[in-house]
Amino acid sequence: GPLHQELLEAGVEVVLCPLAVLRREHLSIGGLAGVGRRALA
């Protein structure tokens, strides 16, 4: 994305990797548990 491109142009090394990210739709006990499992991965 734009941030990725900007960092590369500035000479910053970037690695792309699917990440566990908590979004507003996850703000529940069940949602947190699901994101937590992805974090362990």
PDB file of all heavy atoms in Angstrom:
ATOM      1  N   GLY A   1       0.830  -1.196   0.000  1.00  0.00           N
ATOM      2  CA  GLY A   1       0.000   0.000   0.000  1.00  0.00           C
ATOM      3  C   GLY A   1       0.862   1.242   0.000  1.00  0.00           C
ATOM      4  O   GLY A   1       2.096   1.177  -0.136  1.00  0.00           O
ATOM      5  N   PRO A   2       0.244   2.409   0.174  1.00  0.00           N
ATOM      6  CA  PRO A   2       1.014   3.661   0.127  1.00  0.00           C
ATOM      7  C   PRO A   2       2.141   3.725   1.151  1.00  0.00           C
ATOM      8  O   PRO A   2       3.241   4.199   0.845  1.00  0.00           O
ATOM      9  CB  PRO A   2      -0.049   4.732   0.404  1.00  0.00           C
ATOM     10  CG  PRO A   2      -1.341   4.106   0.004  1.00  0.00           C
ATOM     11  CD  PRO A   2      -1.210   2.653   0.300  1.00  0.00           C
ATOM     12  N   LEU A   3       1.881   3.268   2.377  1.00  0.00           N
ATOM     13  CA  LEU A   3       2.931   3.301   3.390  1.00  0.00           C
ATOM     14  C   LEU A   3       4.093   2.387   3.004  1.00  0.00           C
ATOM     15  O   LEU A   3       5.271   2.753   3.159  1.00  0.00           O
ATOM     16  CB  LEU A   3       2.363   2.890   4.748  1.00  0.00           C
ATOM     17  CG  LEU A   3       3.373   2.784   5.900  1.00  0.00           C
ATOM     18  CD1 LEU A   3       4.065   4.113   6.146  1.00  0.00           C
ATOM     19  CD2 LEU A   3       2.687   2.289   7.170  1.00  0.00           C
ATOM     20  N   HIS A   4       3.773   1.208   2.504  1.00  0.00           N
ATOM     21  CA  HIS A   4       4.791   0.261   2.036  1.00  0.00           C
ATOM     22  C   HIS A   4       5.695   0.922   1.001  1.00  0.00           C
ATOM     23  O   HIS A   4       6.931   0.883   1.098  1.00  0.00           O
ATOM     24  CB  HIS A   4       4.072  -0.962   1.452  1.00  0.00           C
ATOM     25  CG  HIS A   4       4.975  -1.972   0.833  1.00  0.00           C
ATOM     26  ND1 HIS A   4       4.649  -2.627  -0.342  1.00  0.00           N
ATOM     27  CD2 HIS A   4       6.186  -2.442   1.194  1.00  0.00           C
ATOM     28  CE1 HIS A   4       5.626  -3.461  -0.653  1.00  0.00           C
ATOM     29  NE2 HIS A   4       6.566  -3.364   0.259  1.00  0.00           N
ATOM     30  N   GLN A   5       5.089   1.567   0.016  1.00  0.00           N
ATOM     31  CA  GLN A   5       5.870   2.205  -1.047  1.00  0.00           C
ATOM     32  C   GLN A   5       6.706   3.352  -0.515  1.00  0.00           C
ATOM     33  O   GLN A   5       7.878   3.519  -0.887  1.00  0.00           O
ATOM     34  CB  GLN A   5       4.920   2.706  -2.143  1.00  0.00           C
ATOM     35  CG  GLN A   5       5.620   3.214  -3.389  1.00  0.00           C
ATOM     36  CD  GLN A   5       6.457   2.133  -4.068  1.00  0.00           C
ATOM     37  OE1 GLN A   5       6.077   0.972  -4.103  1.00  0.00           O
ATOM     38  NE2 GLN A   5       7.615   2.541  -4.593  1.00  0.00           N
ATOM     39  N   GLU A   6       6.137   4.137   0.372  1.00  0.00           N
ATOM     40  CA  GLU A   6       6.864   5.275   0.929  1.00  0.00           C
ATOM     41  C   GLU A   6       8.097   4.818   1.705  1.00  0.00           C
ATOM     42  O   GLU A   6       9.175   5.414   1.584  1.00  0.00           O
ATOM     43  CB  GLU A   6       5.947   6.068   1.860  1.00  0.00           C
ATOM     44  CG  GLU A   6       6.624   7.244   2.541  1.00  0.00           C
ATOM     45  CD  GLU A   6       5.685   7.977   3.473  1.00  0.00           C
ATOM     46  OE1 GLU A   6       4.511   8.159   3.116  1.00  0.00           O
ATOM     47  OE2 GLU A   6       6.124   8.352   4.570  1.00  0.00           O
ATOM     48  N   LEU A   7       7.951   3.767   2.494  1.00  0.00           N
ATOM     49  CA  LEU A   7       9.083   3.271   3.267  1.00  0.00           C
ATOM     50  C   LEU A   7      10.185   2.731   2.355  1.00  0.00           C
ATOM     51  O   LEU A   7      11.376   2.972   2.584  1.00  0.00           O
ATOM     52  CB  LEU A   7       8.617   2.191   4.244  1.00  0.00           C
ATOM     53  CG  LEU A   7       7.714   2.669   5.384  1.00  0.00           C
ATOM     54  CD1 LEU A   7       7.185   1.484   6.175  1.00  0.00           C
ATOM     55  CD2 LEU A   7       8.456   3.634   6.303  1.00  0.00           C
ATOM     56  N   LEU A   8       9.790   1.986   1.318  1.00  0.00           N
ATOM     57  CA  LEU A   8      10.788   1.462   0.390  1.00  0.00           C
ATOM     58  C   LEU A   8      11.559   2.599  -0.274  1.00  0.00           C
ATOM     59  O   LEU A   8      12.789   2.535  -0.416  1.00  0.00           O
ATOM     60  CB  LEU A   8      10.113   0.584  -0.667  1.00  0.00           C
ATOM     61  CG  LEU A   8       9.504  -0.738  -0.188  1.00  0.00           C
ATOM     62  CD1 LEU A   8       8.845  -1.459  -1.361  1.00  0.00           C
ATOM     63  CD2 LEU A   8      10.563  -1.627   0.462  1.00  0.00           C
ATOM     64  N   GLU A   9      10.860   3.643  -0.675  1.00  0.00           N
ATOM     65  CA  GLU A   9      11.520   4.770  -1.330  1.00  0.00           C
ATOM     66  C   GLU A   9      12.467   5.497  -0.381  1.00  0.00           C
ATOM     67  O   GLU A   9      13.449   6.108  -0.820  1.00  0.00           O
ATOM     68  CB  GLU A   9      10.472   5.742  -1.873  1.00  0.00           C
ATOM     69  CG  GLU A   9       9.685   5.176  -3.053  1.00  0.00           C
ATOM     70  CD  GLU A   9       8.542   6.077  -3.480  1.00  0.00           C
ATOM     71  OE1 GLU A   9       8.334   7.127  -2.827  1.00  0.00           O
ATOM     72  OE2 GLU A   9       7.851   5.733  -4.457  1.00  0.00           O
ATOM     73  N   ALA A  10      12.178   5.398   0.929  1.00  0.00           N
ATOM     74  CA  ALA A  10      13.042   6.036   1.928  1.00  0.00           C
ATOM     75  C   ALA A  10      14.191   5.129   2.355  1.00  0.00           C
ATOM     76  O   ALA A  10      14.977   5.502   3.229  1.00  0.00           O
ATOM     77  CB  ALA A  10      12.222   6.438   3.140  1.00  0.00           C
ATOM     78  N   GLY A  11      14.286   3.941   1.762  1.00  0.00           N
ATOM     79  CA  GLY A  11      15.379   3.040   2.091  1.00  0.00           C
ATOM     80  C   GLY A  11      15.148   2.208   3.330  1.00  0.00           C
ATOM     81  O   GLY A  11      16.104   1.668   3.903  1.00  0.00           O
ATOM     82  N   VAL A  12      13.889   2.069   3.764  1.00  0.00           N
ATOM     83  CA  VAL A  12      13.554   1.254   4.930  1.00  0.00           C
ATOM     84  C   VAL A  12      13.172  -0.145   4.465  1.00  0.00           C
ATOM     85  O   VAL A  12      12.359  -0.306   3.538  1.00  0.00           O
ATOM     86  CB  VAL A  12      12.387   1.877   5.732  1.00  0.00           C
ATOM     87  CG1 VAL A  12      11.972   0.963   6.881  1.00  0.00           C
ATOM     88  CG2 VAL A  12      12.783   3.256   6.257  1.00  0.00           C
ATOM     89  N   GLU A  13      13.736  -1.158   5.095  1.00  0.00           N
ATOM     90  CA  GLU A  13      13.410  -2.530   4.723  1.00  0.00           C
ATOM     91  C   GLU A  13      12.019  -2.897   5.247  1.00  0.00           C
ATOM     92  O   GLU A  13      11.695  -2.644   6.407  1.00  0.00           O
ATOM     93  CB  GLU A  13      14.444  -3.496   5.294  1.00  0.00           C
ATOM     94  CG  GLU A  13      14.244  -4.940   4.845  1.00  0.00           C
ATOM     95  CD  GLU A  13      15.290  -5.891   5.380  1.00  0.00           C
ATOM     96  OE1 GLU A  13      16.191  -5.428   6.134  1.00  0.00           O
ATOM     97  OE2 GLU A  13      15.219  -7.081   5.048  1.00  0.00           O
ATOM     98  N   VAL A  14      11.211  -3.519   4.384  1.00  0.00           N
ATOM     99  CA  VAL A  14       9.838  -3.880   4.734  1.00  0.00           C
ATOM    100  C   VAL A  14       9.604  -5.349   4.413  1.00  0.00           C
ATOM    101  O   VAL A  14       9.997  -5.834   3.355  1.00  0.00           O
ATOM    102  CB  VAL A  14       8.814  -3.012   3.970  1.00  0.00           C
ATOM    103  CG1 VAL A  14       7.391  -3.389   4.362  1.00  0.00           C
ATOM    104  CG2 VAL A  14       9.054  -1.524   4.229  1.00  0.00           C
ATOM    105  N   VAL A  15       8.941  -6.037   5.334  1.00  0.00           N
ATOM    106  CA  VAL A  15       8.507  -7.418   5.130  1.00  0.00           C
ATOM    107  C   VAL A  15       6.988  -7.432   5.173  1.00  0.00           C
ATOM    108  O   VAL A  15       6.375  -6.824   6.058  1.00  0.00           O
ATOM    109  CB  VAL A  15       9.078  -8.342   6.222  1.00  0.00           C
ATOM    110  CG1 VAL A  15       8.490  -9.748   6.104  1.00  0.00           C
ATOM    111  CG2 VAL A  15      10.597  -8.394   6.141  1.00  0.00           C
ATOM    112  N   LEU A  16       6.364  -8.097   4.201  1.00  0.00           N
ATOM    113  CA  LEU A  16       4.905  -8.227   4.180  1.00  0.00           C
ATOM    114  C   LEU A  16       4.514  -9.559   4.792  1.00  0.00           C
ATOM    115  O   LEU A  16       5.059 -10.605   4.428  1.00  0.00           O
ATOM    116  CB  LEU A  16       4.377  -8.117   2.752  1.00  0.00           C
ATOM    117  CG  LEU A  16       4.649  -6.785   2.036  1.00  0.00           C
ATOM    118  CD1 LEU A  16       4.097  -6.826   0.624  1.00  0.00           C
ATOM    119  CD2 LEU A  16       4.039  -5.617   2.804  1.00  0.00           C
ATOM    120  N   CYS A  17       3.561  -9.513   5.738  1.00  0.00           N
ATOM    121  CA  CYS A  17       3.145 -10.728   6.434  1.00  0.00           C
ATOM    122  C   CYS A  17       1.726 -10.526   6.937  1.00  0.00           C
ATOM    123  O   CYS A  17       1.436  -9.504   7.576  1.00  0.00           O
ATOM    124  CB  CYS A  17       4.094 -11.001   7.602  1.00  0.00           C
ATOM    125  SG  CYS A  17       3.576 -12.339   8.694  1.00  0.00           S
ATOM    126  N   PRO A  18       0.783 -11.443   6.674  1.00  0.00           N
ATOM    127  CA  PRO A  18      -0.570 -11.318   7.236  1.00  0.00           C
ATOM    128  C   PRO A  18      -0.490 -11.239   8.759  1.00  0.00           C
ATOM    129  O   PRO A  18       0.163 -12.062   9.398  1.00  0.00           O
ATOM    130  CB  PRO A  18      -1.269 -12.598   6.774  1.00  0.00           C
ATOM    131  CG  PRO A  18      -0.478 -13.066   5.601  1.00  0.00           C
ATOM    132  CD  PRO A  18       0.944 -12.664   5.867  1.00  0.00           C
ATOM    133  N   LEU A  19      -1.145 -10.234   9.338  1.00  0.00           N
ATOM    134  CA  LEU A  19      -1.035  -9.996  10.773  1.00  0.00           C
ATOM    135  C   LEU A  19      -2.397 -10.088  11.451  1.00  0.00           C
ATOM    136  O   LEU A  19      -3.435  -9.774  10.857  1.00  0.00           O
ATOM    137  CB  LEU A  19      -0.440  -8.613  11.038  1.00  0.00           C
ATOM    138  CG  LEU A  19       1.004  -8.374  10.587  1.00  0.00           C
ATOM    139  CD1 LEU A  19       1.380  -6.908  10.773  1.00  0.00           C
ATOM    140  CD2 LEU A  19       1.962  -9.270  11.353  1.00  0.00           C
ATOM    141  N   ALA A  20      -2.379 -10.496  12.716  1.00  0.00           N
ATOM    142  CA  ALA A  20      -3.582 -10.467  13.546  1.00  0.00           C
ATOM    143  C   ALA A  20      -3.786  -9.032  14.022  1.00  0.00           C
ATOM    144  O   ALA A  20      -2.952  -8.476  14.743  1.00  0.00           O
ATOM    145  CB  ALA A  20      -3.414 -11.404  14.735  1.00  0.00           C
ATOM    146  N   VAL A  21      -4.888  -8.420  13.580  1.00  0.00           N
ATOM    147  CA  VAL A  21      -5.176  -7.028  13.925  1.00  0.00           C
ATOM    148  C   VAL A  21      -6.581  -6.953  14.504  1.00  0.00           C
ATOM    149  O   VAL A  21      -7.540  -7.457  13.909  1.00  0.00           O
ATOM    150  CB  VAL A  21      -5.054  -6.112  12.688  1.00  0.00           C
ATOM    151  CG1 VAL A  21      -5.399  -4.677  13.058  1.00  0.00           C
ATOM    152  CG2 VAL A  21      -3.645  -6.184  12.106  1.00  0.00           C
ATOM    153  N   LEU A  22      -6.708  -6.346  15.661  1.00  0.00           N
ATOM    154  CA  LEU A  22      -8.004  -6.189  16.319  1.00  0.00           C
ATOM    155  C   LEU A  22      -8.740  -5.014  15.689  1.00  0.00           C
ATOM    156  O   LEU A  22      -8.258  -3.879  15.709  1.00  0.00           O
ATOM    157  CB  LEU A  22      -7.785  -5.940  17.808  1.00  0.00           C
ATOM    158  CG  LEU A  22      -9.034  -5.798  18.674  1.00  0.00           C
ATOM    159  CD1 LEU A  22      -9.786  -7.112  18.760  1.00  0.00           C
ATOM    160  CD2 LEU A  22      -8.650  -5.312  20.074  1.00  0.00           C
ATOM    161  N   ARG A  23      -9.910  -5.275  15.128  1.00  0.00           N
ATOM    162  CA  ARG A  23     -10.748  -4.227  14.552  1.00  0.00           C
ATOM    163  C   ARG A  23     -11.974  -4.005  15.436  1.00  0.00           C
ATOM    164  O   ARG A  23     -12.253  -4.795  16.331  1.00  0.00           O
ATOM    165  CB  ARG A  23     -11.208  -4.613  13.138  1.00  0.00           C
ATOM    166  CG  ARG A  23     -10.072  -4.920  12.176  1.00  0.00           C
ATOM    167  CD  ARG A  23      -9.227  -3.714  11.890  1.00  0.00           C
ATOM    168  NE  ARG A  23      -8.152  -4.003  10.930  1.00  0.00           N
ATOM    169  CZ  ARG A  23      -7.125  -3.206  10.714  1.00  0.00           C
ATOM    170  NH1 ARG A  23      -7.015  -2.069  11.376  1.00  0.00           N
ATOM    171  NH2 ARG A  23      -6.194  -3.537   9.843  1.00  0.00           N
ATOM    172  N   ARG A  24     -12.714  -2.942  15.154  1.00  0.00           N
ATOM    173  CA  ARG A  24     -13.879  -2.638  15.985  1.00  0.00           C
ATOM    174  C   ARG A  24     -14.909  -3.768  15.961  1.00  0.00           C
ATOM    175  O   ARG A  24     -15.598  -3.999  16.955  1.00  0.00           O
ATOM    176  CB  ARG A  24     -14.531  -1.319  15.527  1.00  0.00           C
ATOM    177  CG  ARG A  24     -13.722  -0.117  15.961  1.00  0.00           C
ATOM    178  CD  ARG A  24     -14.392   1.196  15.593  1.00  0.00           C
ATOM    179  NE  ARG A  24     -13.621   2.292  16.184  1.00  0.00           N
ATOM    180  CZ  ARG A  24     -13.859   2.830  17.362  1.00  0.00           C
ATOM    181  NH1 ARG A  24     -14.860   2.388  18.086  1.00  0.00           N
ATOM    182  NH2 ARG A  24     -13.106   3.804  17.834  1.00  0.00           N
ATOM    183  N   GLU A  25     -15.003  -4.476  14.856  1.00  0.00           N
ATOM    184  CA  GLU A  25     -15.963  -5.576  14.800  1.00  0.00           C
ATOM    185  C   GLU A  25     -15.551  -6.744  15.676  1.00  0.00           C
ATOM    186  O   GLU A  25     -16.343  -7.668  15.902  1.00  0.00           O
ATOM    187  CB  GLU A  25     -16.151  -6.048  13.353  1.00  0.00           C
ATOM    188  CG  GLU A  25     -14.884  -6.482  12.644  1.00  0.00           C
ATOM    189  CD  GLU A  25     -14.245  -5.378  11.824  1.00  0.00           C
ATOM    190  OE1 GLU A  25     -14.395  -4.188  12.215  1.00  0.00           O
ATOM    191  OE2 GLU A  25     -13.604  -5.690  10.813  1.00  0.00           O
ATOM    192  N   HIS A  26     -14.312  -6.719  16.187  1.00  0.00           N
ATOM    193  CA  HIS A  26     -13.832  -7.795  17.061  1.00  0.00           C
ATOM    194  C   HIS A  26     -13.965  -7.459  18.539  1.00  0.00           C
ATOM    195  O   HIS A  26     -13.528  -8.241  19.377  1.00  0.00           O
ATOM    196  CB  HIS A  26     -12.358  -8.091  16.770  1.00  0.00           C
ATOM    197  CG  HIS A  26     -12.072  -8.466  15.361  1.00  0.00           C
ATOM    198  ND1 HIS A  26     -10.959  -8.016  14.684  1.00  0.00           N
ATOM    199  CD2 HIS A  26     -12.759  -9.239  14.479  1.00  0.00           C
ATOM    200  CE1 HIS A  26     -10.974  -8.496  13.440  1.00  0.00           C
ATOM    201  NE2 HIS A  26     -12.046  -9.237  13.294  1.00  0.00           N
ATOM    202  N   LEU A  27     -14.531  -6.270  18.860  1.00  0.00           N
ATOM    203  CA  LEU A  27     -14.508  -5.812  20.243  1.00  0.00           C
ATOM    204  C   LEU A  27     -15.577  -6.524  21.081  1.00  0.00           C
ATOM    205  O   LEU A  27     -16.576  -5.944  21.500  1.00  0.00           O
ATOM    206  CB  LEU A  27     -14.695  -4.295  20.298  1.00  0.00           C
ATOM    207  CG  LEU A  27     -13.585  -3.498  19.617  1.00  0.00           C
ATOM    208  CD1 LEU A  27     -13.766  -2.012  19.853  1.00  0.00           C
ATOM    209  CD2 LEU A  27     -12.214  -3.940  20.083  1.00  0.00           C
ATOM    210  N   SER A  28     -15.347  -7.796  21.301  1.00  0.00           N
ATOM    211  CA  SER A  28     -16.190  -8.625  22.162  1.00  0.00           C
ATOM    212  C   SER A  28     -15.308  -9.750  22.679  1.00  0.00           C
ATOM    213  O   SER A  28     -14.191  -9.976  22.180  1.00  0.00           O
ATOM    214  CB  SER A  28     -17.371  -9.201  21.383  1.00  0.00           C
ATOM    215  OG  SER A  28     -16.909 -10.106  20.386  1.00  0.00           O
ATOM    216  N   ILE A  29     -15.797 -10.480  23.666  1.00  0.00           N
ATOM    217  CA  ILE A  29     -15.012 -11.588  24.202  1.00  0.00           C
ATOM    218  C   ILE A  29     -14.713 -12.605  23.102  1.00  0.00           C
ATOM    219  O   ILE A  29     -13.579 -13.062  22.928  1.00  0.00           O
ATOM    220  CB  ILE A  29     -15.746 -12.256  25.376  1.00  0.00           C
ATOM    221  CG1 ILE A  29     -15.946 -11.252  26.516  1.00  0.00           C
ATOM    222  CG2 ILE A  29     -14.979 -13.474  25.858  1.00  0.00           C
ATOM    223  CD1 ILE A  29     -14.692 -10.797  27.182  1.00  0.00           C
ATOM    224  N   GLY A  30     -15.744 -12.975  22.322  1.00  0.00           N
ATOM    225  CA  GLY A  30     -15.548 -13.936  21.245  1.00  0.00           C
ATOM    226  C   GLY A  30     -14.630 -13.409  20.161  1.00  0.00           C
ATOM    227  O   GLY A  30     -13.788 -14.145  19.638  1.00  0.00           O
ATOM    228  N   GLY A  31     -14.787 -12.138  19.817  1.00  0.00           N
ATOM    229  CA  GLY A  31     -13.931 -11.550  18.794  1.00  0.00           C
ATOM    230  C   GLY A  31     -12.481 -11.519  19.212  1.00  0.00           C
ATOM    231  O   GLY A  31     -11.578 -11.801  18.424  1.00  0.00           O
ATOM    232  N   LEU A  32     -12.241 -11.192  20.485  1.00  0.00           N
ATOM    233  CA  LEU A  32     -10.870 -11.171  20.984  1.00  0.00           C
ATOM    234  C   LEU A  32     -10.246 -12.557  20.927  1.00  0.00           C
ATOM    235  O   LEU A  32      -9.062 -12.709  20.603  1.00  0.00           O
ATOM    236  CB  LEU A  32     -10.844 -10.661  22.426  1.00  0.00           C
ATOM    237  CG  LEU A  32     -11.074  -9.163  22.620  1.00  0.00           C
ATOM    238  CD1 LEU A  32     -11.115  -8.837  24.108  1.00  0.00           C
ATOM    239  CD2 LEU A  32      -9.996  -8.354  21.938  1.00  0.00           C
ATOM    240  N   ALA A  33     -11.052 -13.582  21.242  1.00  0.00           N
ATOM    241  CA  ALA A  33     -10.512 -14.948  21.225  1.00  0.00           C
ATOM    242  C   ALA A  33     -10.077 -15.338  19.814  1.00  0.00           C
ATOM    243  O   ALA A  33      -9.016 -15.942  19.611  1.00  0.00           O
ATOM    244  CB  ALA A  33     -11.555 -15.919  21.759  1.00  0.00           C
ATOM    245  N   GLY A  34     -10.882 -14.975  18.796  1.00  0.00           N
ATOM    246  CA  GLY A  34     -10.539 -15.308  17.422  1.00  0.00           C
ATOM    247  C   GLY A  34      -9.275 -14.609  16.956  1.00  0.00           C
ATOM    248  O   GLY A  34      -8.401 -15.217  16.323  1.00  0.00           O
ATOM    249  N   VAL A  35      -9.144 -13.327  17.286  1.00  0.00           N
ATOM    250  CA  VAL A  35      -7.948 -12.597  16.904  1.00  0.00           C
ATOM    251  C   VAL A  35      -6.733 -13.135  17.658  1.00  0.00           C
ATOM    252  O   VAL A  35      -5.624 -13.213  17.118  1.00  0.00           O
ATOM    253  CB  VAL A  35      -8.129 -11.089  17.171  1.00  0.00           C
ATOM    254  CG1 VAL A  35      -6.848 -10.326  16.855  1.00  0.00           C
ATOM    255  CG2 VAL A  35      -9.267 -10.539  16.327  1.00  0.00           C
ATOM    256  N   GLY A  36      -6.956 -13.541  18.909  1.00  0.00           N
ATOM    257  CA  GLY A  36      -5.860 -14.117  19.688  1.00  0.00           C
ATOM    258  C   GLY A  36      -5.305 -15.370  19.046  1.00  0.00           C
ATOM    259  O   GLY A  36      -4.079 -15.597  19.051  1.00  0.00           O
ATOM    260  N   ARG A  37      -6.182 -16.196  18.487  1.00  0.00           N
ATOM    261  CA  ARG A  37      -5.707 -17.417  17.812  1.00  0.00           C
ATOM    262  C   ARG A  37      -4.858 -17.057  16.600  1.00  0.00           C
ATOM    263  O   ARG A  37      -3.842 -17.695  16.323  1.00  0.00           O
ATOM    264  CB  ARG A  37      -6.902 -18.281  17.402  1.00  0.00           C
ATOM    265  CG  ARG A  37      -7.575 -18.987  18.570  1.00  0.00           C
ATOM    266  CD  ARG A  37      -8.560 -20.023  18.098  1.00  0.00           C
ATOM    267  NE  ARG A  37      -9.697 -19.435  17.401  1.00  0.00           N
ATOM    268  CZ  ARG A  37     -10.827 -19.046  18.001  1.00  0.00           C
ATOM    269  NH1 ARG A  37     -10.946 -19.157  19.321  1.00  0.00           N
ATOM    270  NH2 ARG A  37     -11.813 -18.536  17.308  1.00  0.00           N
ATOM    271  N   ARG A  38      -5.268 -16.010  15.878  1.00  0.00           N
ATOM    272  CA  ARG A  38      -4.462 -15.596  14.727  1.00  0.00           C
ATOM    273  C   ARG A  38      -3.123 -15.018  15.175  1.00  0.00           C
ATOM    274  O   ARG A  38      -2.110 -15.155  14.490  1.00  0.00           O
ATOM    275  CB  ARG A  38      -5.236 -14.580  13.886  1.00  0.00           C
ATOM    276  CG  ARG A  38      -6.409 -15.206  13.124  1.00  0.00           C
ATOM    277  CD  ARG A  38      -6.949 -14.279  12.061  1.00  0.00           C
ATOM    278  NE  ARG A  38      -7.631 -13.132  12.637  1.00  0.00           N
ATOM    279  CZ  ARG A  38      -8.898 -13.133  13.028  1.00  0.00           C
ATOM    280  NH1 ARG A  38      -9.612 -14.243  12.935  1.00  0.00           N
ATOM    281  NH2 ARG A  38      -9.451 -12.051  13.524  1.00  0.00           N
ATOM    282  N   ALA A  39      -3.111 -14.372  16.341  1.00  0.00           N
ATOM    283  CA  ALA A  39      -1.853 -13.835  16.860  1.00  0.00           C
ATOM    284  C   ALA A  39      -0.874 -14.960  17.169  1.00  0.00           C
ATOM    285  O   ALA A  39       0.338 -14.825  16.935  1.00  0.00           O
ATOM    286  CB  ALA A  39      -2.114 -13.006  18.110  1.00  0.00           C
ATOM    287  N   LEU A  40      -1.385 -16.059  17.684  1.00  0.00           N
ATOM    288  CA  LEU A  40      -0.505 -17.190  17.963  1.00  0.00           C
ATOM    289  C   LEU A  40       0.086 -17.746  16.672  1.00  0.00           C
ATOM    290  O   LEU A  40       1.234 -18.181  16.635  1.00  0.00           O
ATOM    291  CB  LEU A  40      -1.271 -18.274  18.714  1.00  0.00           C
ATOM    292  CG  LEU A  40      -1.682 -17.912  20.148  1.00  0.00           C
ATOM    293  CD1 LEU A  40      -2.529 -19.025  20.756  1.00  0.00           C
ATOM    294  CD2 LEU A  40      -0.456 -17.643  21.004  1.00  0.00           C
ATOM    295  N   ALA A  41      -0.715 -17.717  15.601  1.00  0.00           N
ATOM    296  CA  ALA A  41      -0.202 -18.173  14.307  1.00  0.00           C
ATOM    297  C   ALA A  41       0.907 -17.244  13.806  1.00  0.00           C
ATOM    298  O   ALA A  41       1.828 -17.676  13.107  1.00  0.00           O
ATOM    299  CB  ALA A  41      -1.339 -18.235  13.291  1.00  0.00           C
TER     300      ALA A  41
END
